[in-house]
């Protein structure tokens, strides 16, 4: 259950980050956009690793 809560927290953080990125993207520099996309990809990788470690995939 603890792992599920952690995964949900990561997903919630990811959703907030994506919403914020969409909101501010028009005024962001390319470097900041790249940094945010990298953060999103890292979050997805963490979720995939956690799922694989717990036999979800």
PDB file of N, CA and C in Angstrom:
ATOM      1  N   UNK A   1       0.828  -1.192   0.000  1.00  0.00           N
ATOM      2  CA  UNK A   1       0.000   0.000   0.000  1.00  0.00           C
ATOM      3  C   UNK A   1       0.870   1.252   0.000  1.00  0.00           C
ATOM      4  N   UNK A   2       1.989   1.180   0.733  1.00  0.00           N
ATOM      5  CA  UNK A   2       2.907   2.314   0.783  1.00  0.00           C
ATOM      6  C   UNK A   2       3.444   2.629  -0.615  1.00  0.00           C
ATOM      7  N   UNK A   3       3.764   1.566  -1.382  1.00  0.00           N
ATOM      8  CA  UNK A   3       4.272   1.763  -2.741  1.00  0.00           C
ATOM      9  C   UNK A   3       3.212   2.381  -3.639  1.00  0.00           C
ATOM     10  N   UNK A   4       1.974   1.974  -3.449  1.00  0.00           N
ATOM     11  CA  UNK A   4       0.878   2.539  -4.233  1.00  0.00           C
ATOM     12  C   UNK A   4       0.717   4.024  -3.919  1.00  0.00           C
ATOM     13  N   UNK A   5       0.833   4.378  -2.652  1.00  0.00           N
ATOM     14  CA  UNK A   5       0.734   5.789  -2.262  1.00  0.00           C
ATOM     15  C   UNK A   5       1.886   6.591  -2.860  1.00  0.00           C
ATOM     16  N   UNK A   6       3.072   6.001  -2.877  1.00  0.00           N
ATOM     17  CA  UNK A   6       4.233   6.678  -3.460  1.00  0.00           C
ATOM     18  C   UNK A   6       4.022   6.888  -4.960  1.00  0.00           C
ATOM     19  N   UNK A   7       3.531   5.857  -5.634  1.00  0.00           N
ATOM     20  CA  UNK A   7       3.270   5.966  -7.068  1.00  0.00           C
ATOM     21  C   UNK A   7       2.215   7.036  -7.343  1.00  0.00           C
ATOM     22  N   UNK A   8       1.177   7.073  -6.515  1.00  0.00           N
ATOM     23  CA  UNK A   8       0.131   8.080  -6.697  1.00  0.00           C
ATOM     24  C   UNK A   8       0.692   9.477  -6.484  1.00  0.00           C
ATOM     25  N   UNK A   9       1.570   9.628  -5.482  1.00  0.00           N
ATOM     26  CA  UNK A   9       2.194  10.927  -5.227  1.00  0.00           C
ATOM     27  C   UNK A   9       3.048  11.358  -6.420  1.00  0.00           C
ATOM     28  N   UNK A  10       3.810  10.415  -6.983  1.00  0.00           N
ATOM     29  CA  UNK A  10       4.618  10.734  -8.161  1.00  0.00           C
ATOM     30  C   UNK A  10       3.738  11.131  -9.340  1.00  0.00           C
ATOM     31  N   UNK A  11       2.638  10.419  -9.528  1.00  0.00           N
ATOM     32  CA  UNK A  11       1.721  10.760 -10.619  1.00  0.00           C
ATOM     33  C   UNK A  11       1.095  12.129 -10.410  1.00  0.00           C
ATOM     34  N   UNK A  12       0.723  12.426  -9.173  1.00  0.00           N
ATOM     35  CA  UNK A  12       0.148  13.742  -8.874  1.00  0.00           C
ATOM     36  C   UNK A  12       1.162  14.847  -9.147  1.00  0.00           C
ATOM     37  N   UNK A  13       2.405  14.622  -8.716  1.00  0.00           N
ATOM     38  CA  UNK A  13       3.465  15.603  -8.969  1.00  0.00           C
ATOM     39  C   UNK A  13       3.702  15.767 -10.464  1.00  0.00           C
ATOM     40  N   UNK A  14       3.679  14.660 -11.177  1.00  0.00           N
ATOM     41  CA  UNK A  14       3.869  14.696 -12.621  1.00  0.00           C
ATOM     42  C   UNK A  14       2.748  15.488 -13.292  1.00  0.00           C
ATOM     43  N   UNK A  15       1.522  15.256 -12.866  1.00  0.00           N
ATOM     44  CA  UNK A  15       0.385  15.979 -13.440  1.00  0.00           C
ATOM     45  C   UNK A  15       0.504  17.478 -13.174  1.00  0.00           C
ATOM     46  N   UNK A  16       0.876  17.837 -11.952  1.00  0.00           N
ATOM     47  CA  UNK A  16       1.041  19.264 -11.626  1.00  0.00           C
ATOM     48  C   UNK A  16       2.162  19.888 -12.458  1.00  0.00           C
ATOM     49  N   UNK A  17       3.265  19.161 -12.601  1.00  0.00           N
ATOM     50  CA  UNK A  17       4.386  19.673 -13.394  1.00  0.00           C
ATOM     51  C   UNK A  17       3.965  19.883 -14.838  1.00  0.00           C
ATOM     52  N   UNK A  18       3.230  18.925 -15.387  1.00  0.00           N
ATOM     53  CA  UNK A  18       2.787  19.046 -16.774  1.00  0.00           C
ATOM     54  C   UNK A  18       1.813  20.209 -16.938  1.00  0.00           C
ATOM     55  N   UNK A  19       0.910  20.387 -15.985  1.00  0.00           N
ATOM     56  CA  UNK A  19      -0.033  21.506 -16.062  1.00  0.00           C
ATOM     57  C   UNK A  19       0.708  22.835 -15.994  1.00  0.00           C
ATOM     58  N   UNK A  20       1.683  22.921 -15.102  1.00  0.00           N
ATOM     59  CA  UNK A  20       2.462  24.152 -14.968  1.00  0.00           C
ATOM     60  C   UNK A  20       3.272  24.411 -16.236  1.00  0.00           C
ATOM     61  N   UNK A  21       3.837  23.362 -16.793  1.00  0.00           N
ATOM     62  CA  UNK A  21       4.624  23.501 -18.021  1.00  0.00           C
ATOM     63  C   UNK A  21       3.758  24.027 -19.160  1.00  0.00           C
ATOM     64  N   UNK A  22       2.568  23.478 -19.318  1.00  0.00           N
ATOM     65  CA  UNK A  22       1.662  23.935 -20.372  1.00  0.00           C
ATOM     66  C   UNK A  22       1.262  25.393 -20.138  1.00  0.00           C
ATOM     67  N   UNK A  23       1.066  25.746 -18.881  1.00  0.00           N
ATOM     68  CA  UNK A  23       0.642  27.109 -18.550  1.00  0.00           C
ATOM     69  C   UNK A  23       1.721  28.136 -18.886  1.00  0.00           C
ATOM     70  N   UNK A  24       2.970  27.829 -18.585  1.00  0.00           N
ATOM     71  CA  UNK A  24       4.034  28.827 -18.738  1.00  0.00           C
ATOM     72  C   UNK A  24       4.897  28.624 -19.977  1.00  0.00           C
ATOM     73  N   UNK A  25       4.686  27.560 -20.705  1.00  0.00           N
ATOM     74  CA  UNK A  25       5.563  27.222 -21.825  1.00  0.00           C
ATOM     75  C   UNK A  25       5.739  28.350 -22.845  1.00  0.00           C
ATOM     76  N   UNK A  26       4.700  29.073 -23.226  1.00  0.00           N
ATOM     77  CA  UNK A  26       4.907  30.108 -24.252  1.00  0.00           C
ATOM     78  C   UNK A  26       5.976  31.138 -23.883  1.00  0.00           C
ATOM     79  N   UNK A  27       6.172  31.407 -22.591  1.00  0.00           N
ATOM     80  CA  UNK A  27       7.161  32.391 -22.182  1.00  0.00           C
ATOM     81  C   UNK A  27       8.487  31.802 -21.738  1.00  0.00           C
ATOM     82  N   UNK A  28       8.628  30.484 -21.812  1.00  0.00           N
ATOM     83  CA  UNK A  28       9.844  29.833 -21.322  1.00  0.00           C
ATOM     84  C   UNK A  28      10.904  29.757 -22.405  1.00  0.00           C
ATOM     85  N   UNK A  29      12.148  29.756 -21.965  1.00  0.00           N
ATOM     86  CA  UNK A  29      13.242  29.542 -22.906  1.00  0.00           C
ATOM     87  C   UNK A  29      13.278  28.064 -23.291  1.00  0.00           C
ATOM     88  N   UNK A  30      13.910  27.782 -24.410  1.00  0.00           N
ATOM     89  CA  UNK A  30      14.026  26.390 -24.862  1.00  0.00           C
ATOM     90  C   UNK A  30      14.735  25.534 -23.814  1.00  0.00           C
ATOM     91  N   UNK A  31      15.742  26.095 -23.165  1.00  0.00           N
ATOM     92  CA  UNK A  31      16.497  25.344 -22.156  1.00  0.00           C
ATOM     93  C   UNK A  31      15.607  24.954 -20.974  1.00  0.00           C
ATOM     94  N   UNK A  32      14.760  25.876 -20.528  1.00  0.00           N
ATOM     95  CA  UNK A  32      13.848  25.553 -19.424  1.00  0.00           C
ATOM     96  C   UNK A  32      12.833  24.494 -19.833  1.00  0.00           C
ATOM     97  N   UNK A  33      12.335  24.575 -21.056  1.00  0.00           N
ATOM     98  CA  UNK A  33      11.396  23.566 -21.545  1.00  0.00           C
ATOM     99  C   UNK A  33      12.081  22.206 -21.569  1.00  0.00           C
ATOM    100  N   UNK A  34      13.312  22.155 -22.081  1.00  0.00           N
ATOM    101  CA  UNK A  34      14.063  20.897 -22.111  1.00  0.00           C
ATOM    102  C   UNK A  34      14.255  20.345 -20.695  1.00  0.00           C
ATOM    103  N   UNK A  35      14.568  21.216 -19.751  1.00  0.00           N
ATOM    104  CA  UNK A  35      14.778  20.787 -18.366  1.00  0.00           C
ATOM    105  C   UNK A  35      13.498  20.193 -17.788  1.00  0.00           C
ATOM    106  N   UNK A  36      12.372  20.843 -18.024  1.00  0.00           N
ATOM    107  CA  UNK A  36      11.103  20.337 -17.505  1.00  0.00           C
ATOM    108  C   UNK A  36      10.732  19.009 -18.153  1.00  0.00           C
ATOM    109  N   UNK A  37      10.958  18.886 -19.452  1.00  0.00           N
ATOM    110  CA  UNK A  37      10.667  17.623 -20.137  1.00  0.00           C
ATOM    111  C   UNK A  37      11.554  16.513 -19.582  1.00  0.00           C
ATOM    112  N   UNK A  38      12.815  16.829 -19.297  1.00  0.00           N
ATOM    113  CA  UNK A  38      13.722  15.844 -18.704  1.00  0.00           C
ATOM    114  C   UNK A  38      13.211  15.414 -17.335  1.00  0.00           C
ATOM    115  N   UNK A  39      12.727  16.365 -16.530  1.00  0.00           N
ATOM    116  CA  UNK A  39      12.163  16.028 -15.218  1.00  0.00           C
ATOM    117  C   UNK A  39      10.955  15.107 -15.356  1.00  0.00           C
ATOM    118  N   UNK A  40      10.109  15.382 -16.336  1.00  0.00           N
ATOM    119  CA  UNK A  40       8.934  14.537 -16.577  1.00  0.00           C
ATOM    120  C   UNK A  40       9.373  13.133 -16.975  1.00  0.00           C
ATOM    121  N   UNK A  41      10.337  13.043 -17.883  1.00  0.00           N
ATOM    122  CA  UNK A  41      10.833  11.734 -18.307  1.00  0.00           C
ATOM    123  C   UNK A  41      11.447  10.969 -17.141  1.00  0.00           C
ATOM    124  N   UNK A  42      12.163  11.668 -16.265  1.00  0.00           N
ATOM    125  CA  UNK A  42      12.741  11.015 -15.089  1.00  0.00           C
ATOM    126  C   UNK A  42      11.645  10.469 -14.182  1.00  0.00           C
ATOM    127  N   UNK A  43      10.578  11.230 -14.004  1.00  0.00           N
ATOM    128  CA  UNK A  43       9.460  10.766 -13.175  1.00  0.00           C
ATOM    129  C   UNK A  43       8.818   9.521 -13.773  1.00  0.00           C
ATOM    130  N   UNK A  44       8.649   9.515 -15.080  1.00  0.00           N
ATOM    131  CA  UNK A  44       8.074   8.350 -15.755  1.00  0.00           C
ATOM    132  C   UNK A  44       8.990   7.144 -15.596  1.00  0.00           C
ATOM    133  N   UNK A  45      10.299   7.350 -15.716  1.00  0.00           N
ATOM    134  CA  UNK A  45      11.254   6.255 -15.544  1.00  0.00           C
ATOM    135  C   UNK A  45      11.184   5.679 -14.137  1.00  0.00           C
ATOM    136  N   UNK A  46      11.073   6.548 -13.143  1.00  0.00           N
ATOM    137  CA  UNK A  46      10.955   6.087 -11.756  1.00  0.00           C
ATOM    138  C   UNK A  46       9.703   5.237 -11.589  1.00  0.00           C
ATOM    139  N   UNK A  47       8.592   5.706 -12.139  1.00  0.00           N
ATOM    140  CA  UNK A  47       7.340   4.948 -12.037  1.00  0.00           C
ATOM    141  C   UNK A  47       7.464   3.595 -12.730  1.00  0.00           C
ATOM    142  N   UNK A  48       8.074   3.561 -13.902  1.00  0.00           N
ATOM    143  CA  UNK A  48       8.249   2.300 -14.619  1.00  0.00           C
ATOM    144  C   UNK A  48       9.129   1.338 -13.838  1.00  0.00           C
ATOM    145  N   UNK A  49      10.207   1.843 -13.265  1.00  0.00           N
ATOM    146  CA  UNK A  49      11.111   1.006 -12.476  1.00  0.00           C
ATOM    147  C   UNK A  49      10.396   0.442 -11.257  1.00  0.00           C
ATOM    148  N   UNK A  50       9.648   1.295 -10.566  1.00  0.00           N
ATOM    149  CA  UNK A  50       8.891   0.835  -9.396  1.00  0.00           C
ATOM    150  C   UNK A  50       7.896  -0.256  -9.802  1.00  0.00           C
ATOM    151  N   UNK A  51       7.208  -0.048 -10.901  1.00  0.00           N
ATOM    152  CA  UNK A  51       6.223  -1.035 -11.354  1.00  0.00           C
ATOM    153  C   UNK A  51       6.902  -2.355 -11.715  1.00  0.00           C
ATOM    154  N   UNK A  52       8.030  -2.283 -12.419  1.00  0.00           N
ATOM    155  CA  UNK A  52       8.762  -3.497 -12.788  1.00  0.00           C
ATOM    156  C   UNK A  52       9.245  -4.236 -11.549  1.00  0.00           C
ATOM    157  N   UNK A  53       9.715  -3.491 -10.560  1.00  0.00           N
ATOM    158  CA  UNK A  53      10.208  -4.112  -9.328  1.00  0.00           C
ATOM    159  C   UNK A  53       9.101  -4.812  -8.548  1.00  0.00           C
ATOM    160  N   UNK A  54       7.877  -4.408  -8.774  1.00  0.00           N
ATOM    161  CA  UNK A  54       6.757  -4.995  -8.048  1.00  0.00           C
ATOM    162  C   UNK A  54       5.898  -5.877  -8.945  1.00  0.00           C
ATOM    163  N   UNK A  55       6.436  -6.241 -10.110  1.00  0.00           N
ATOM    164  CA  UNK A  55       5.757  -7.179 -10.983  1.00  0.00           C
ATOM    165  C   UNK A  55       4.511  -6.660 -11.653  1.00  0.00           C
ATOM    166  N   UNK A  56       4.419  -5.348 -11.820  1.00  0.00           N
ATOM    167  CA  UNK A  56       3.234  -4.788 -12.463  1.00  0.00           C
ATOM    168  C   UNK A  56       3.288  -4.938 -13.979  1.00  0.00           C
ATOM    169  N   UNK A  57       4.494  -5.085 -14.527  1.00  0.00           N
ATOM    170  CA  UNK A  57       4.635  -5.230 -15.977  1.00  0.00           C
ATOM    171  C   UNK A  57       5.229  -6.565 -16.313  1.00  0.00           C
TER     172      UNK A  57
END
